[in-house]
Amino acid sequence: MNHAASLDLQAYEDPVFYDRLERAR
């Protein structure tokens, strides 16, 4: 969550990146 909070909003608009972040968790 701390890493996600430091990201730009554009990163969340990318579904591939969001899936990768969730998969990492």
PDBML (XML) file of the C-alpha atoms, coordinates in Angstrom:
<?xml version="1.0" encoding="UTF-8" ?>
<PDBx:datablock datablockName="MODEL"
   xmlns:PDBx="http://pdbml.pdb.org/schema/pdbx-v50.xsd"
   xmlns:xsi="http://www.w3.org/2001/XMLSchema-instance"
   xsi:schemaLocation="http://pdbml.pdb.org/schema/pdbx-v50.xsd pdbx-v50.xsd">
   <PDBx:atom_siteCategory>
      <PDBx:atom_site id="1">
         <PDBx:B_iso_or_equiv>0.00</PDBx:B_iso_or_equiv>
         <PDBx:Cartn_x>0.000</PDBx:Cartn_x>
         <PDBx:Cartn_y>0.000</PDBx:Cartn_y>
         <PDBx:Cartn_z>0.000</PDBx:Cartn_z>
         <PDBx:auth_asym_id>A</PDBx:auth_asym_id>
         <PDBx:auth_atom_id>CA</PDBx:auth_atom_id>
         <PDBx:auth_comp_id>MET</PDBx:auth_comp_id>
         <PDBx:auth_seq_id>1</PDBx:auth_seq_id>
         <PDBx:group_PDB>ATOM</PDBx:group_PDB>
         <PDBx:label_alt_id xsi:nil="true" />
         <PDBx:label_asym_id>A</PDBx:label_asym_id>
         <PDBx:label_atom_id>CA</PDBx:label_atom_id>
         <PDBx:label_comp_id>MET</PDBx:label_comp_id>
         <PDBx:label_entity_id>1</PDBx:label_entity_id>
         <PDBx:label_seq_id>1</PDBx:label_seq_id>
         <PDBx:occupancy>1.00</PDBx:occupancy>
         <PDBx:pdbx_PDB_model_num>1</PDBx:pdbx_PDB_model_num>
         <PDBx:type_symbol>C</PDBx:type_symbol>
      </PDBx:atom_site>
      <PDBx:atom_site id="2">
         <PDBx:B_iso_or_equiv>0.00</PDBx:B_iso_or_equiv>
         <PDBx:Cartn_x>2.859</PDBx:Cartn_x>
         <PDBx:Cartn_y>2.413</PDBx:Cartn_y>
         <PDBx:Cartn_z>0.775</PDBx:Cartn_z>
         <PDBx:auth_asym_id>A</PDBx:auth_asym_id>
         <PDBx:auth_atom_id>CA</PDBx:auth_atom_id>
         <PDBx:auth_comp_id>ASN</PDBx:auth_comp_id>
         <PDBx:auth_seq_id>2</PDBx:auth_seq_id>
         <PDBx:group_PDB>ATOM</PDBx:group_PDB>
         <PDBx:label_alt_id xsi:nil="true" />
         <PDBx:label_asym_id>A</PDBx:label_asym_id>
         <PDBx:label_atom_id>CA</PDBx:label_atom_id>
         <PDBx:label_comp_id>ASN</PDBx:label_comp_id>
         <PDBx:label_entity_id>1</PDBx:label_entity_id>
         <PDBx:label_seq_id>2</PDBx:label_seq_id>
         <PDBx:occupancy>1.00</PDBx:occupancy>
         <PDBx:pdbx_PDB_model_num>1</PDBx:pdbx_PDB_model_num>
         <PDBx:type_symbol>C</PDBx:type_symbol>
      </PDBx:atom_site>
      <PDBx:atom_site id="3">
         <PDBx:B_iso_or_equiv>0.00</PDBx:B_iso_or_equiv>
         <PDBx:Cartn_x>4.423</PDBx:Cartn_x>
         <PDBx:Cartn_y>1.666</PDBx:Cartn_y>
         <PDBx:Cartn_z>-2.584</PDBx:Cartn_z>
         <PDBx:auth_asym_id>A</PDBx:auth_asym_id>
         <PDBx:auth_atom_id>CA</PDBx:auth_atom_id>
         <PDBx:auth_comp_id>HIS</PDBx:auth_comp_id>
         <PDBx:auth_seq_id>3</PDBx:auth_seq_id>
         <PDBx:group_PDB>ATOM</PDBx:group_PDB>
         <PDBx:label_alt_id xsi:nil="true" />
         <PDBx:label_asym_id>A</PDBx:label_asym_id>
         <PDBx:label_atom_id>CA</PDBx:label_atom_id>
         <PDBx:label_comp_id>HIS</PDBx:label_comp_id>
         <PDBx:label_entity_id>1</PDBx:label_entity_id>
         <PDBx:label_seq_id>3</PDBx:label_seq_id>
         <PDBx:occupancy>1.00</PDBx:occupancy>
         <PDBx:pdbx_PDB_model_num>1</PDBx:pdbx_PDB_model_num>
         <PDBx:type_symbol>C</PDBx:type_symbol>
      </PDBx:atom_site>
      <PDBx:atom_site id="4">
         <PDBx:B_iso_or_equiv>0.00</PDBx:B_iso_or_equiv>
         <PDBx:Cartn_x>1.067</PDBx:Cartn_x>
         <PDBx:Cartn_y>2.042</PDBx:Cartn_y>
         <PDBx:Cartn_z>-4.308</PDBx:Cartn_z>
         <PDBx:auth_asym_id>A</PDBx:auth_asym_id>
         <PDBx:auth_atom_id>CA</PDBx:auth_atom_id>
         <PDBx:auth_comp_id>ALA</PDBx:auth_comp_id>
         <PDBx:auth_seq_id>4</PDBx:auth_seq_id>
         <PDBx:group_PDB>ATOM</PDBx:group_PDB>
         <PDBx:label_alt_id xsi:nil="true" />
         <PDBx:label_asym_id>A</PDBx:label_asym_id>
         <PDBx:label_atom_id>CA</PDBx:label_atom_id>
         <PDBx:label_comp_id>ALA</PDBx:label_comp_id>
         <PDBx:label_entity_id>1</PDBx:label_entity_id>
         <PDBx:label_seq_id>4</PDBx:label_seq_id>
         <PDBx:occupancy>1.00</PDBx:occupancy>
         <PDBx:pdbx_PDB_model_num>1</PDBx:pdbx_PDB_model_num>
         <PDBx:type_symbol>C</PDBx:type_symbol>
      </PDBx:atom_site>
      <PDBx:atom_site id="5">
         <PDBx:B_iso_or_equiv>0.00</PDBx:B_iso_or_equiv>
         <PDBx:Cartn_x>0.508</PDBx:Cartn_x>
         <PDBx:Cartn_y>5.395</PDBx:Cartn_y>
         <PDBx:Cartn_z>-2.556</PDBx:Cartn_z>
         <PDBx:auth_asym_id>A</PDBx:auth_asym_id>
         <PDBx:auth_atom_id>CA</PDBx:auth_atom_id>
         <PDBx:auth_comp_id>ALA</PDBx:auth_comp_id>
         <PDBx:auth_seq_id>5</PDBx:auth_seq_id>
         <PDBx:group_PDB>ATOM</PDBx:group_PDB>
         <PDBx:label_alt_id xsi:nil="true" />
         <PDBx:label_asym_id>A</PDBx:label_asym_id>
         <PDBx:label_atom_id>CA</PDBx:label_atom_id>
         <PDBx:label_comp_id>ALA</PDBx:label_comp_id>
         <PDBx:label_entity_id>1</PDBx:label_entity_id>
         <PDBx:label_seq_id>5</PDBx:label_seq_id>
         <PDBx:occupancy>1.00</PDBx:occupancy>
         <PDBx:pdbx_PDB_model_num>1</PDBx:pdbx_PDB_model_num>
         <PDBx:type_symbol>C</PDBx:type_symbol>
      </PDBx:atom_site>
      <PDBx:atom_site id="6">
         <PDBx:B_iso_or_equiv>0.00</PDBx:B_iso_or_equiv>
         <PDBx:Cartn_x>3.777</PDBx:Cartn_x>
         <PDBx:Cartn_y>6.708</PDBx:Cartn_y>
         <PDBx:Cartn_z>-4.001</PDBx:Cartn_z>
         <PDBx:auth_asym_id>A</PDBx:auth_asym_id>
         <PDBx:auth_atom_id>CA</PDBx:auth_atom_id>
         <PDBx:auth_comp_id>SER</PDBx:auth_comp_id>
         <PDBx:auth_seq_id>6</PDBx:auth_seq_id>
         <PDBx:group_PDB>ATOM</PDBx:group_PDB>
         <PDBx:label_alt_id xsi:nil="true" />
         <PDBx:label_asym_id>A</PDBx:label_asym_id>
         <PDBx:label_atom_id>CA</PDBx:label_atom_id>
         <PDBx:label_comp_id>SER</PDBx:label_comp_id>
         <PDBx:label_entity_id>1</PDBx:label_entity_id>
         <PDBx:label_seq_id>6</PDBx:label_seq_id>
         <PDBx:occupancy>1.00</PDBx:occupancy>
         <PDBx:pdbx_PDB_model_num>1</PDBx:pdbx_PDB_model_num>
         <PDBx:type_symbol>C</PDBx:type_symbol>
      </PDBx:atom_site>
      <PDBx:atom_site id="7">
         <PDBx:B_iso_or_equiv>0.00</PDBx:B_iso_or_equiv>
         <PDBx:Cartn_x>2.704</PDBx:Cartn_x>
         <PDBx:Cartn_y>5.954</PDBx:Cartn_y>
         <PDBx:Cartn_z>-7.594</PDBx:Cartn_z>
         <PDBx:auth_asym_id>A</PDBx:auth_asym_id>
         <PDBx:auth_atom_id>CA</PDBx:auth_atom_id>
         <PDBx:auth_comp_id>LEU</PDBx:auth_comp_id>
         <PDBx:auth_seq_id>7</PDBx:auth_seq_id>
         <PDBx:group_PDB>ATOM</PDBx:group_PDB>
         <PDBx:label_alt_id xsi:nil="true" />
         <PDBx:label_asym_id>A</PDBx:label_asym_id>
         <PDBx:label_atom_id>CA</PDBx:label_atom_id>
         <PDBx:label_comp_id>LEU</PDBx:label_comp_id>
         <PDBx:label_entity_id>1</PDBx:label_entity_id>
         <PDBx:label_seq_id>7</PDBx:label_seq_id>
         <PDBx:occupancy>1.00</PDBx:occupancy>
         <PDBx:pdbx_PDB_model_num>1</PDBx:pdbx_PDB_model_num>
         <PDBx:type_symbol>C</PDBx:type_symbol>
      </PDBx:atom_site>
      <PDBx:atom_site id="8">
         <PDBx:B_iso_or_equiv>0.00</PDBx:B_iso_or_equiv>
         <PDBx:Cartn_x>1.137</PDBx:Cartn_x>
         <PDBx:Cartn_y>8.360</PDBx:Cartn_y>
         <PDBx:Cartn_z>-10.030</PDBx:Cartn_z>
         <PDBx:auth_asym_id>A</PDBx:auth_asym_id>
         <PDBx:auth_atom_id>CA</PDBx:auth_atom_id>
         <PDBx:auth_comp_id>ASP</PDBx:auth_comp_id>
         <PDBx:auth_seq_id>8</PDBx:auth_seq_id>
         <PDBx:group_PDB>ATOM</PDBx:group_PDB>
         <PDBx:label_alt_id xsi:nil="true" />
         <PDBx:label_asym_id>A</PDBx:label_asym_id>
         <PDBx:label_atom_id>CA</PDBx:label_atom_id>
         <PDBx:label_comp_id>ASP</PDBx:label_comp_id>
         <PDBx:label_entity_id>1</PDBx:label_entity_id>
         <PDBx:label_seq_id>8</PDBx:label_seq_id>
         <PDBx:occupancy>1.00</PDBx:occupancy>
         <PDBx:pdbx_PDB_model_num>1</PDBx:pdbx_PDB_model_num>
         <PDBx:type_symbol>C</PDBx:type_symbol>
      </PDBx:atom_site>
      <PDBx:atom_site id="9">
         <PDBx:B_iso_or_equiv>0.00</PDBx:B_iso_or_equiv>
         <PDBx:Cartn_x>-2.510</PDBx:Cartn_x>
         <PDBx:Cartn_y>8.073</PDBx:Cartn_y>
         <PDBx:Cartn_z>-10.937</PDBx:Cartn_z>
         <PDBx:auth_asym_id>A</PDBx:auth_asym_id>
         <PDBx:auth_atom_id>CA</PDBx:auth_atom_id>
         <PDBx:auth_comp_id>LEU</PDBx:auth_comp_id>
         <PDBx:auth_seq_id>9</PDBx:auth_seq_id>
         <PDBx:group_PDB>ATOM</PDBx:group_PDB>
         <PDBx:label_alt_id xsi:nil="true" />
         <PDBx:label_asym_id>A</PDBx:label_asym_id>
         <PDBx:label_atom_id>CA</PDBx:label_atom_id>
         <PDBx:label_comp_id>LEU</PDBx:label_comp_id>
         <PDBx:label_entity_id>1</PDBx:label_entity_id>
         <PDBx:label_seq_id>9</PDBx:label_seq_id>
         <PDBx:occupancy>1.00</PDBx:occupancy>
         <PDBx:pdbx_PDB_model_num>1</PDBx:pdbx_PDB_model_num>
         <PDBx:type_symbol>C</PDBx:type_symbol>
      </PDBx:atom_site>
      <PDBx:atom_site id="10">
         <PDBx:B_iso_or_equiv>0.00</PDBx:B_iso_or_equiv>
         <PDBx:Cartn_x>-1.515</PDBx:Cartn_x>
         <PDBx:Cartn_y>6.985</PDBx:Cartn_y>
         <PDBx:Cartn_z>-14.454</PDBx:Cartn_z>
         <PDBx:auth_asym_id>A</PDBx:auth_asym_id>
         <PDBx:auth_atom_id>CA</PDBx:auth_atom_id>
         <PDBx:auth_comp_id>GLN</PDBx:auth_comp_id>
         <PDBx:auth_seq_id>10</PDBx:auth_seq_id>
         <PDBx:group_PDB>ATOM</PDBx:group_PDB>
         <PDBx:label_alt_id xsi:nil="true" />
         <PDBx:label_asym_id>A</PDBx:label_asym_id>
         <PDBx:label_atom_id>CA</PDBx:label_atom_id>
         <PDBx:label_comp_id>GLN</PDBx:label_comp_id>
         <PDBx:label_entity_id>1</PDBx:label_entity_id>
         <PDBx:label_seq_id>10</PDBx:label_seq_id>
         <PDBx:occupancy>1.00</PDBx:occupancy>
         <PDBx:pdbx_PDB_model_num>1</PDBx:pdbx_PDB_model_num>
         <PDBx:type_symbol>C</PDBx:type_symbol>
      </PDBx:atom_site>
      <PDBx:atom_site id="11">
         <PDBx:B_iso_or_equiv>0.00</PDBx:B_iso_or_equiv>
         <PDBx:Cartn_x>-0.150</PDBx:Cartn_x>
         <PDBx:Cartn_y>3.713</PDBx:Cartn_y>
         <PDBx:Cartn_z>-13.036</PDBx:Cartn_z>
         <PDBx:auth_asym_id>A</PDBx:auth_asym_id>
         <PDBx:auth_atom_id>CA</PDBx:auth_atom_id>
         <PDBx:auth_comp_id>ALA</PDBx:auth_comp_id>
         <PDBx:auth_seq_id>11</PDBx:auth_seq_id>
         <PDBx:group_PDB>ATOM</PDBx:group_PDB>
         <PDBx:label_alt_id xsi:nil="true" />
         <PDBx:label_asym_id>A</PDBx:label_asym_id>
         <PDBx:label_atom_id>CA</PDBx:label_atom_id>
         <PDBx:label_comp_id>ALA</PDBx:label_comp_id>
         <PDBx:label_entity_id>1</PDBx:label_entity_id>
         <PDBx:label_seq_id>11</PDBx:label_seq_id>
         <PDBx:occupancy>1.00</PDBx:occupancy>
         <PDBx:pdbx_PDB_model_num>1</PDBx:pdbx_PDB_model_num>
         <PDBx:type_symbol>C</PDBx:type_symbol>
      </PDBx:atom_site>
      <PDBx:atom_site id="12">
         <PDBx:B_iso_or_equiv>0.00</PDBx:B_iso_or_equiv>
         <PDBx:Cartn_x>-3.608</PDBx:Cartn_x>
         <PDBx:Cartn_y>2.834</PDBx:Cartn_y>
         <PDBx:Cartn_z>-11.713</PDBx:Cartn_z>
         <PDBx:auth_asym_id>A</PDBx:auth_asym_id>
         <PDBx:auth_atom_id>CA</PDBx:auth_atom_id>
         <PDBx:auth_comp_id>TYR</PDBx:auth_comp_id>
         <PDBx:auth_seq_id>12</PDBx:auth_seq_id>
         <PDBx:group_PDB>ATOM</PDBx:group_PDB>
         <PDBx:label_alt_id xsi:nil="true" />
         <PDBx:label_asym_id>A</PDBx:label_asym_id>
         <PDBx:label_atom_id>CA</PDBx:label_atom_id>
         <PDBx:label_comp_id>TYR</PDBx:label_comp_id>
         <PDBx:label_entity_id>1</PDBx:label_entity_id>
         <PDBx:label_seq_id>12</PDBx:label_seq_id>
         <PDBx:occupancy>1.00</PDBx:occupancy>
         <PDBx:pdbx_PDB_model_num>1</PDBx:pdbx_PDB_model_num>
         <PDBx:type_symbol>C</PDBx:type_symbol>
      </PDBx:atom_site>
      <PDBx:atom_site id="13">
         <PDBx:B_iso_or_equiv>0.00</PDBx:B_iso_or_equiv>
         <PDBx:Cartn_x>-5.196</PDBx:Cartn_x>
         <PDBx:Cartn_y>3.492</PDBx:Cartn_y>
         <PDBx:Cartn_z>-15.062</PDBx:Cartn_z>
         <PDBx:auth_asym_id>A</PDBx:auth_asym_id>
         <PDBx:auth_atom_id>CA</PDBx:auth_atom_id>
         <PDBx:auth_comp_id>GLU</PDBx:auth_comp_id>
         <PDBx:auth_seq_id>13</PDBx:auth_seq_id>
         <PDBx:group_PDB>ATOM</PDBx:group_PDB>
         <PDBx:label_alt_id xsi:nil="true" />
         <PDBx:label_asym_id>A</PDBx:label_asym_id>
         <PDBx:label_atom_id>CA</PDBx:label_atom_id>
         <PDBx:label_comp_id>GLU</PDBx:label_comp_id>
         <PDBx:label_entity_id>1</PDBx:label_entity_id>
         <PDBx:label_seq_id>13</PDBx:label_seq_id>
         <PDBx:occupancy>1.00</PDBx:occupancy>
         <PDBx:pdbx_PDB_model_num>1</PDBx:pdbx_PDB_model_num>
         <PDBx:type_symbol>C</PDBx:type_symbol>
      </PDBx:atom_site>
      <PDBx:atom_site id="14">
         <PDBx:B_iso_or_equiv>0.00</PDBx:B_iso_or_equiv>
         <PDBx:Cartn_x>-3.100</PDBx:Cartn_x>
         <PDBx:Cartn_y>0.704</PDBx:Cartn_y>
         <PDBx:Cartn_z>-16.561</PDBx:Cartn_z>
         <PDBx:auth_asym_id>A</PDBx:auth_asym_id>
         <PDBx:auth_atom_id>CA</PDBx:auth_atom_id>
         <PDBx:auth_comp_id>ASP</PDBx:auth_comp_id>
         <PDBx:auth_seq_id>14</PDBx:auth_seq_id>
         <PDBx:group_PDB>ATOM</PDBx:group_PDB>
         <PDBx:label_alt_id xsi:nil="true" />
         <PDBx:label_asym_id>A</PDBx:label_asym_id>
         <PDBx:label_atom_id>CA</PDBx:label_atom_id>
         <PDBx:label_comp_id>ASP</PDBx:label_comp_id>
         <PDBx:label_entity_id>1</PDBx:label_entity_id>
         <PDBx:label_seq_id>14</PDBx:label_seq_id>
         <PDBx:occupancy>1.00</PDBx:occupancy>
         <PDBx:pdbx_PDB_model_num>1</PDBx:pdbx_PDB_model_num>
         <PDBx:type_symbol>C</PDBx:type_symbol>
      </PDBx:atom_site>
      <PDBx:atom_site id="15">
         <PDBx:B_iso_or_equiv>0.00</PDBx:B_iso_or_equiv>
         <PDBx:Cartn_x>-4.943</PDBx:Cartn_x>
         <PDBx:Cartn_y>-2.579</PDBx:Cartn_y>
         <PDBx:Cartn_z>-15.806</PDBx:Cartn_z>
         <PDBx:auth_asym_id>A</PDBx:auth_asym_id>
         <PDBx:auth_atom_id>CA</PDBx:auth_atom_id>
         <PDBx:auth_comp_id>PRO</PDBx:auth_comp_id>
         <PDBx:auth_seq_id>15</PDBx:auth_seq_id>
         <PDBx:group_PDB>ATOM</PDBx:group_PDB>
         <PDBx:label_alt_id xsi:nil="true" />
         <PDBx:label_asym_id>A</PDBx:label_asym_id>
         <PDBx:label_atom_id>CA</PDBx:label_atom_id>
         <PDBx:label_comp_id>PRO</PDBx:label_comp_id>
         <PDBx:label_entity_id>1</PDBx:label_entity_id>
         <PDBx:label_seq_id>15</PDBx:label_seq_id>
         <PDBx:occupancy>1.00</PDBx:occupancy>
         <PDBx:pdbx_PDB_model_num>1</PDBx:pdbx_PDB_model_num>
         <PDBx:type_symbol>C</PDBx:type_symbol>
      </PDBx:atom_site>
      <PDBx:atom_site id="16">
         <PDBx:B_iso_or_equiv>0.00</PDBx:B_iso_or_equiv>
         <PDBx:Cartn_x>-1.816</PDBx:Cartn_x>
         <PDBx:Cartn_y>-4.647</PDBx:Cartn_y>
         <PDBx:Cartn_z>-16.493</PDBx:Cartn_z>
         <PDBx:auth_asym_id>A</PDBx:auth_asym_id>
         <PDBx:auth_atom_id>CA</PDBx:auth_atom_id>
         <PDBx:auth_comp_id>VAL</PDBx:auth_comp_id>
         <PDBx:auth_seq_id>16</PDBx:auth_seq_id>
         <PDBx:group_PDB>ATOM</PDBx:group_PDB>
         <PDBx:label_alt_id xsi:nil="true" />
         <PDBx:label_asym_id>A</PDBx:label_asym_id>
         <PDBx:label_atom_id>CA</PDBx:label_atom_id>
         <PDBx:label_comp_id>VAL</PDBx:label_comp_id>
         <PDBx:label_entity_id>1</PDBx:label_entity_id>
         <PDBx:label_seq_id>16</PDBx:label_seq_id>
         <PDBx:occupancy>1.00</PDBx:occupancy>
         <PDBx:pdbx_PDB_model_num>1</PDBx:pdbx_PDB_model_num>
         <PDBx:type_symbol>C</PDBx:type_symbol>
      </PDBx:atom_site>
      <PDBx:atom_site id="17">
         <PDBx:B_iso_or_equiv>0.00</PDBx:B_iso_or_equiv>
         <PDBx:Cartn_x>0.135</PDBx:Cartn_x>
         <PDBx:Cartn_y>-2.729</PDBx:Cartn_y>
         <PDBx:Cartn_z>-13.856</PDBx:Cartn_z>
         <PDBx:auth_asym_id>A</PDBx:auth_asym_id>
         <PDBx:auth_atom_id>CA</PDBx:auth_atom_id>
         <PDBx:auth_comp_id>PHE</PDBx:auth_comp_id>
         <PDBx:auth_seq_id>17</PDBx:auth_seq_id>
         <PDBx:group_PDB>ATOM</PDBx:group_PDB>
         <PDBx:label_alt_id xsi:nil="true" />
         <PDBx:label_asym_id>A</PDBx:label_asym_id>
         <PDBx:label_atom_id>CA</PDBx:label_atom_id>
         <PDBx:label_comp_id>PHE</PDBx:label_comp_id>
         <PDBx:label_entity_id>1</PDBx:label_entity_id>
         <PDBx:label_seq_id>17</PDBx:label_seq_id>
         <PDBx:occupancy>1.00</PDBx:occupancy>
         <PDBx:pdbx_PDB_model_num>1</PDBx:pdbx_PDB_model_num>
         <PDBx:type_symbol>C</PDBx:type_symbol>
      </PDBx:atom_site>
      <PDBx:atom_site id="18">
         <PDBx:B_iso_or_equiv>0.00</PDBx:B_iso_or_equiv>
         <PDBx:Cartn_x>-2.717</PDBx:Cartn_x>
         <PDBx:Cartn_y>-2.903</PDBx:Cartn_y>
         <PDBx:Cartn_z>-11.351</PDBx:Cartn_z>
         <PDBx:auth_asym_id>A</PDBx:auth_asym_id>
         <PDBx:auth_atom_id>CA</PDBx:auth_atom_id>
         <PDBx:auth_comp_id>TYR</PDBx:auth_comp_id>
         <PDBx:auth_seq_id>18</PDBx:auth_seq_id>
         <PDBx:group_PDB>ATOM</PDBx:group_PDB>
         <PDBx:label_alt_id xsi:nil="true" />
         <PDBx:label_asym_id>A</PDBx:label_asym_id>
         <PDBx:label_atom_id>CA</PDBx:label_atom_id>
         <PDBx:label_comp_id>TYR</PDBx:label_comp_id>
         <PDBx:label_entity_id>1</PDBx:label_entity_id>
         <PDBx:label_seq_id>18</PDBx:label_seq_id>
         <PDBx:occupancy>1.00</PDBx:occupancy>
         <PDBx:pdbx_PDB_model_num>1</PDBx:pdbx_PDB_model_num>
         <PDBx:type_symbol>C</PDBx:type_symbol>
      </PDBx:atom_site>
      <PDBx:atom_site id="19">
         <PDBx:B_iso_or_equiv>0.00</PDBx:B_iso_or_equiv>
         <PDBx:Cartn_x>-2.979</PDBx:Cartn_x>
         <PDBx:Cartn_y>-6.674</PDBx:Cartn_y>
         <PDBx:Cartn_z>-11.868</PDBx:Cartn_z>
         <PDBx:auth_asym_id>A</PDBx:auth_asym_id>
         <PDBx:auth_atom_id>CA</PDBx:auth_atom_id>
         <PDBx:auth_comp_id>ASP</PDBx:auth_comp_id>
         <PDBx:auth_seq_id>19</PDBx:auth_seq_id>
         <PDBx:group_PDB>ATOM</PDBx:group_PDB>
         <PDBx:label_alt_id xsi:nil="true" />
         <PDBx:label_asym_id>A</PDBx:label_asym_id>
         <PDBx:label_atom_id>CA</PDBx:label_atom_id>
         <PDBx:label_comp_id>ASP</PDBx:label_comp_id>
         <PDBx:label_entity_id>1</PDBx:label_entity_id>
         <PDBx:label_seq_id>19</PDBx:label_seq_id>
         <PDBx:occupancy>1.00</PDBx:occupancy>
         <PDBx:pdbx_PDB_model_num>1</PDBx:pdbx_PDB_model_num>
         <PDBx:type_symbol>C</PDBx:type_symbol>
      </PDBx:atom_site>
      <PDBx:atom_site id="20">
         <PDBx:B_iso_or_equiv>0.00</PDBx:B_iso_or_equiv>
         <PDBx:Cartn_x>0.782</PDBx:Cartn_x>
         <PDBx:Cartn_y>-6.997</PDBx:Cartn_y>
         <PDBx:Cartn_z>-11.393</PDBx:Cartn_z>
         <PDBx:auth_asym_id>A</PDBx:auth_asym_id>
         <PDBx:auth_atom_id>CA</PDBx:auth_atom_id>
         <PDBx:auth_comp_id>ARG</PDBx:auth_comp_id>
         <PDBx:auth_seq_id>20</PDBx:auth_seq_id>
         <PDBx:group_PDB>ATOM</PDBx:group_PDB>
         <PDBx:label_alt_id xsi:nil="true" />
         <PDBx:label_asym_id>A</PDBx:label_asym_id>
         <PDBx:label_atom_id>CA</PDBx:label_atom_id>
         <PDBx:label_comp_id>ARG</PDBx:label_comp_id>
         <PDBx:label_entity_id>1</PDBx:label_entity_id>
         <PDBx:label_seq_id>20</PDBx:label_seq_id>
         <PDBx:occupancy>1.00</PDBx:occupancy>
         <PDBx:pdbx_PDB_model_num>1</PDBx:pdbx_PDB_model_num>
         <PDBx:type_symbol>C</PDBx:type_symbol>
      </PDBx:atom_site>
      <PDBx:atom_site id="21">
         <PDBx:B_iso_or_equiv>0.00</PDBx:B_iso_or_equiv>
         <PDBx:Cartn_x>0.600</PDBx:Cartn_x>
         <PDBx:Cartn_y>-4.996</PDBx:Cartn_y>
         <PDBx:Cartn_z>-8.150</PDBx:Cartn_z>
         <PDBx:auth_asym_id>A</PDBx:auth_asym_id>
         <PDBx:auth_atom_id>CA</PDBx:auth_atom_id>
         <PDBx:auth_comp_id>LEU</PDBx:auth_comp_id>
         <PDBx:auth_seq_id>21</PDBx:auth_seq_id>
         <PDBx:group_PDB>ATOM</PDBx:group_PDB>
         <PDBx:label_alt_id xsi:nil="true" />
         <PDBx:label_asym_id>A</PDBx:label_asym_id>
         <PDBx:label_atom_id>CA</PDBx:label_atom_id>
         <PDBx:label_comp_id>LEU</PDBx:label_comp_id>
         <PDBx:label_entity_id>1</PDBx:label_entity_id>
         <PDBx:label_seq_id>21</PDBx:label_seq_id>
         <PDBx:occupancy>1.00</PDBx:occupancy>
         <PDBx:pdbx_PDB_model_num>1</PDBx:pdbx_PDB_model_num>
         <PDBx:type_symbol>C</PDBx:type_symbol>
      </PDBx:atom_site>
      <PDBx:atom_site id="22">
         <PDBx:B_iso_or_equiv>0.00</PDBx:B_iso_or_equiv>
         <PDBx:Cartn_x>-2.245</PDBx:Cartn_x>
         <PDBx:Cartn_y>-7.146</PDBx:Cartn_y>
         <PDBx:Cartn_z>-6.825</PDBx:Cartn_z>
         <PDBx:auth_asym_id>A</PDBx:auth_asym_id>
         <PDBx:auth_atom_id>CA</PDBx:auth_atom_id>
         <PDBx:auth_comp_id>GLU</PDBx:auth_comp_id>
         <PDBx:auth_seq_id>22</PDBx:auth_seq_id>
         <PDBx:group_PDB>ATOM</PDBx:group_PDB>
         <PDBx:label_alt_id xsi:nil="true" />
         <PDBx:label_asym_id>A</PDBx:label_asym_id>
         <PDBx:label_atom_id>CA</PDBx:label_atom_id>
         <PDBx:label_comp_id>GLU</PDBx:label_comp_id>
         <PDBx:label_entity_id>1</PDBx:label_entity_id>
         <PDBx:label_seq_id>22</PDBx:label_seq_id>
         <PDBx:occupancy>1.00</PDBx:occupancy>
         <PDBx:pdbx_PDB_model_num>1</PDBx:pdbx_PDB_model_num>
         <PDBx:type_symbol>C</PDBx:type_symbol>
      </PDBx:atom_site>
      <PDBx:atom_site id="23">
         <PDBx:B_iso_or_equiv>0.00</PDBx:B_iso_or_equiv>
         <PDBx:Cartn_x>-0.458</PDBx:Cartn_x>
         <PDBx:Cartn_y>-10.337</PDBx:Cartn_y>
         <PDBx:Cartn_z>-7.882</PDBx:Cartn_z>
         <PDBx:auth_asym_id>A</PDBx:auth_asym_id>
         <PDBx:auth_atom_id>CA</PDBx:auth_atom_id>
         <PDBx:auth_comp_id>ARG</PDBx:auth_comp_id>
         <PDBx:auth_seq_id>23</PDBx:auth_seq_id>
         <PDBx:group_PDB>ATOM</PDBx:group_PDB>
         <PDBx:label_alt_id xsi:nil="true" />
         <PDBx:label_asym_id>A</PDBx:label_asym_id>
         <PDBx:label_atom_id>CA</PDBx:label_atom_id>
         <PDBx:label_comp_id>ARG</PDBx:label_comp_id>
         <PDBx:label_entity_id>1</PDBx:label_entity_id>
         <PDBx:label_seq_id>23</PDBx:label_seq_id>
         <PDBx:occupancy>1.00</PDBx:occupancy>
         <PDBx:pdbx_PDB_model_num>1</PDBx:pdbx_PDB_model_num>
         <PDBx:type_symbol>C</PDBx:type_symbol>
      </PDBx:atom_site>
      <PDBx:atom_site id="24">
         <PDBx:B_iso_or_equiv>0.00</PDBx:B_iso_or_equiv>
         <PDBx:Cartn_x>2.681</PDBx:Cartn_x>
         <PDBx:Cartn_y>-9.172</PDBx:Cartn_y>
         <PDBx:Cartn_z>-6.025</PDBx:Cartn_z>
         <PDBx:auth_asym_id>A</PDBx:auth_asym_id>
         <PDBx:auth_atom_id>CA</PDBx:auth_atom_id>
         <PDBx:auth_comp_id>ALA</PDBx:auth_comp_id>
         <PDBx:auth_seq_id>24</PDBx:auth_seq_id>
         <PDBx:group_PDB>ATOM</PDBx:group_PDB>
         <PDBx:label_alt_id xsi:nil="true" />
         <PDBx:label_asym_id>A</PDBx:label_asym_id>
         <PDBx:label_atom_id>CA</PDBx:label_atom_id>
         <PDBx:label_comp_id>ALA</PDBx:label_comp_id>
         <PDBx:label_entity_id>1</PDBx:label_entity_id>
         <PDBx:label_seq_id>24</PDBx:label_seq_id>
         <PDBx:occupancy>1.00</PDBx:occupancy>
         <PDBx:pdbx_PDB_model_num>1</PDBx:pdbx_PDB_model_num>
         <PDBx:type_symbol>C</PDBx:type_symbol>
      </PDBx:atom_site>
      <PDBx:atom_site id="25">
         <PDBx:B_iso_or_equiv>0.00</PDBx:B_iso_or_equiv>
         <PDBx:Cartn_x>0.675</PDBx:Cartn_x>
         <PDBx:Cartn_y>-8.701</PDBx:Cartn_y>
         <PDBx:Cartn_z>-2.835</PDBx:Cartn_z>
         <PDBx:auth_asym_id>A</PDBx:auth_asym_id>
         <PDBx:auth_atom_id>CA</PDBx:auth_atom_id>
         <PDBx:auth_comp_id>ARG</PDBx:auth_comp_id>
         <PDBx:auth_seq_id>25</PDBx:auth_seq_id>
         <PDBx:group_PDB>ATOM</PDBx:group_PDB>
         <PDBx:label_alt_id xsi:nil="true" />
         <PDBx:label_asym_id>A</PDBx:label_asym_id>
         <PDBx:label_atom_id>CA</PDBx:label_atom_id>
         <PDBx:label_comp_id>ARG</PDBx:label_comp_id>
         <PDBx:label_entity_id>1</PDBx:label_entity_id>
         <PDBx:label_seq_id>25</PDBx:label_seq_id>
         <PDBx:occupancy>1.00</PDBx:occupancy>
         <PDBx:pdbx_PDB_model_num>1</PDBx:pdbx_PDB_model_num>
         <PDBx:type_symbol>C</PDBx:type_symbol>
      </PDBx:atom_site>
   </PDBx:atom_siteCategory>
</PDBx:datablock>
